[in-house]
Amino acid sequence: MAKTKNTIKKRKPSVQEGDSTYILKLVLYLIIGSQWLRISHGSSEIPIPLGFIIGILFSMHEHFKIDRKIEYAVLLMAMFLGFWLPMGISVTIK
């Protein structure tokens, strides 16, 4: 009689980030997302959400893509918060 070999498939261990890494990442998204570039010329001002754009690029190329929706929500909240607070870079053109 021929013996059949039972093949045991080994699963790759799933890599999960720790809680401290996740909280640090959210704080960094909050800080980056609140940055604005404000260009002033006379009485007009053009606000550009530079931190939001950079944060979106970071979240698109991230290794752990599990919580992308939460990262987008934190970026959006930080963008609106940074619009009213004096955060970011102000450039005045005379």
Protein backbone atom coordinates (compact mmCIF):
# COMPACT_ATOMS: atom_id res chain seq x y z
CA MET A 1 0.00 0.00 0.00
CA ALA A 2 1.16 3.47 -0.84
CA LYS A 3 1.23 5.99 1.91
CA THR A 4 -0.27 9.38 1.21
CA LYS A 5 1.53 12.42 2.47
CA ASN A 6 -0.49 14.92 4.32
CA THR A 7 0.85 18.33 3.47
CA ILE A 8 0.58 20.83 6.24
CA LYS A 9 0.29 24.34 4.96
CA LYS A 10 2.08 26.83 7.11
CA ARG A 11 0.41 30.16 7.46
CA LYS A 12 2.43 33.29 7.36
CA PRO A 13 2.24 35.08 10.66
CA SER A 14 0.26 38.27 10.24
CA VAL A 15 2.23 41.34 11.18
CA GLN A 16 0.24 43.71 13.35
CA GLU A 17 1.34 47.06 14.59
CA GLY A 18 1.35 47.76 18.28
CA ASP A 19 -0.93 50.18 20.08
CA SER A 20 1.81 52.71 20.70
CA THR A 21 2.75 52.68 17.02
CA TYR A 22 -0.86 53.23 16.03
CA ILE A 23 -1.32 56.16 18.44
CA LEU A 24 1.96 57.73 17.33
CA LYS A 25 0.85 57.42 13.72
CA LEU A 26 -2.48 59.13 14.47
CA VAL A 27 -0.73 61.97 16.30
CA LEU A 28 1.62 62.45 13.36
CA TYR A 29 -1.34 62.54 10.95
CA LEU A 30 -2.97 65.13 13.22
CA ILE A 31 0.13 67.33 13.20
CA ILE A 32 0.81 66.94 9.47
CA GLY A 33 -2.82 67.43 8.46
CA SER A 34 -3.14 70.74 10.30
CA GLN A 35 -0.38 72.44 8.29
CA TRP A 36 -1.49 75.06 5.75
CA LEU A 37 0.38 77.21 3.26
CA ARG A 38 -1.13 80.69 3.23
CA ILE A 39 -0.07 82.99 0.41
CA SER A 40 -1.00 86.64 1.01
CA HIS A 41 -0.89 89.37 -1.59
CA GLY A 42 -2.30 92.67 -0.42
CA SER A 43 -5.72 92.04 1.07
CA SER A 44 -6.29 88.64 -0.56
CA GLU A 45 -5.15 85.34 0.90
CA ILE A 46 -4.94 81.94 -0.76
CA PRO A 47 -4.94 79.04 1.73
CA ILE A 48 -3.59 75.71 0.45
CA PRO A 49 -3.99 72.57 2.61
CA LEU A 50 -0.41 71.40 2.13
CA GLY A 51 -0.40 69.05 5.14
CA PHE A 52 -3.59 67.32 4.00
CA ILE A 53 -2.06 66.62 0.60
CA ILE A 54 1.14 65.25 2.13
CA GLY A 55 -0.87 63.16 4.63
CA ILE A 56 -2.95 61.62 1.83
CA LEU A 57 0.24 60.67 -0.01
CA PHE A 58 1.64 59.10 3.18
CA SER A 59 -1.50 57.09 3.84
CA MET A 60 -1.65 55.81 0.24
CA HIS A 61 1.89 54.39 0.48
CA GLU A 62 1.66 53.00 3.99
CA HIS A 63 2.63 49.42 4.83
CA PHE A 64 -0.39 48.71 7.06
CA LYS A 65 -3.44 49.57 4.96
CA ILE A 66 -6.01 48.33 7.44
CA ASP A 67 -7.10 51.61 9.00
CA ARG A 68 -6.96 53.96 6.01
CA LYS A 69 -10.49 55.27 6.65
CA ILE A 70 -9.56 56.33 10.17
CA GLU A 71 -6.44 58.04 8.87
CA TYR A 72 -8.49 59.97 6.31
CA ALA A 73 -10.92 61.05 9.04
CA VAL A 74 -8.07 62.27 11.27
CA LEU A 75 -6.51 64.15 8.35
CA LEU A 76 -9.82 65.80 7.49
CA MET A 77 -10.46 66.81 11.11
CA ALA A 78 -6.92 68.20 11.41
CA MET A 79 -7.30 70.11 8.15
CA PHE A 80 -10.39 71.95 9.41
CA LEU A 81 -8.77 72.55 12.79
CA GLY A 82 -5.63 73.95 11.19
CA PHE A 83 -7.63 76.29 8.96
CA TRP A 84 -8.84 78.37 11.92
CA LEU A 85 -5.74 78.08 14.08
CA PRO A 86 -2.56 79.91 13.09
CA MET A 87 -0.66 76.81 11.96
CA GLY A 88 1.52 76.34 8.93
CA ILE A 89 3.53 78.62 6.71
CA SER A 90 2.51 82.16 5.81
CA VAL A 91 4.02 83.75 2.70
CA THR A 92 3.42 87.45 2.07
CA ILE A 93 4.04 88.80 -1.41
CA LYS A 94 4.39 92.57 -1.64
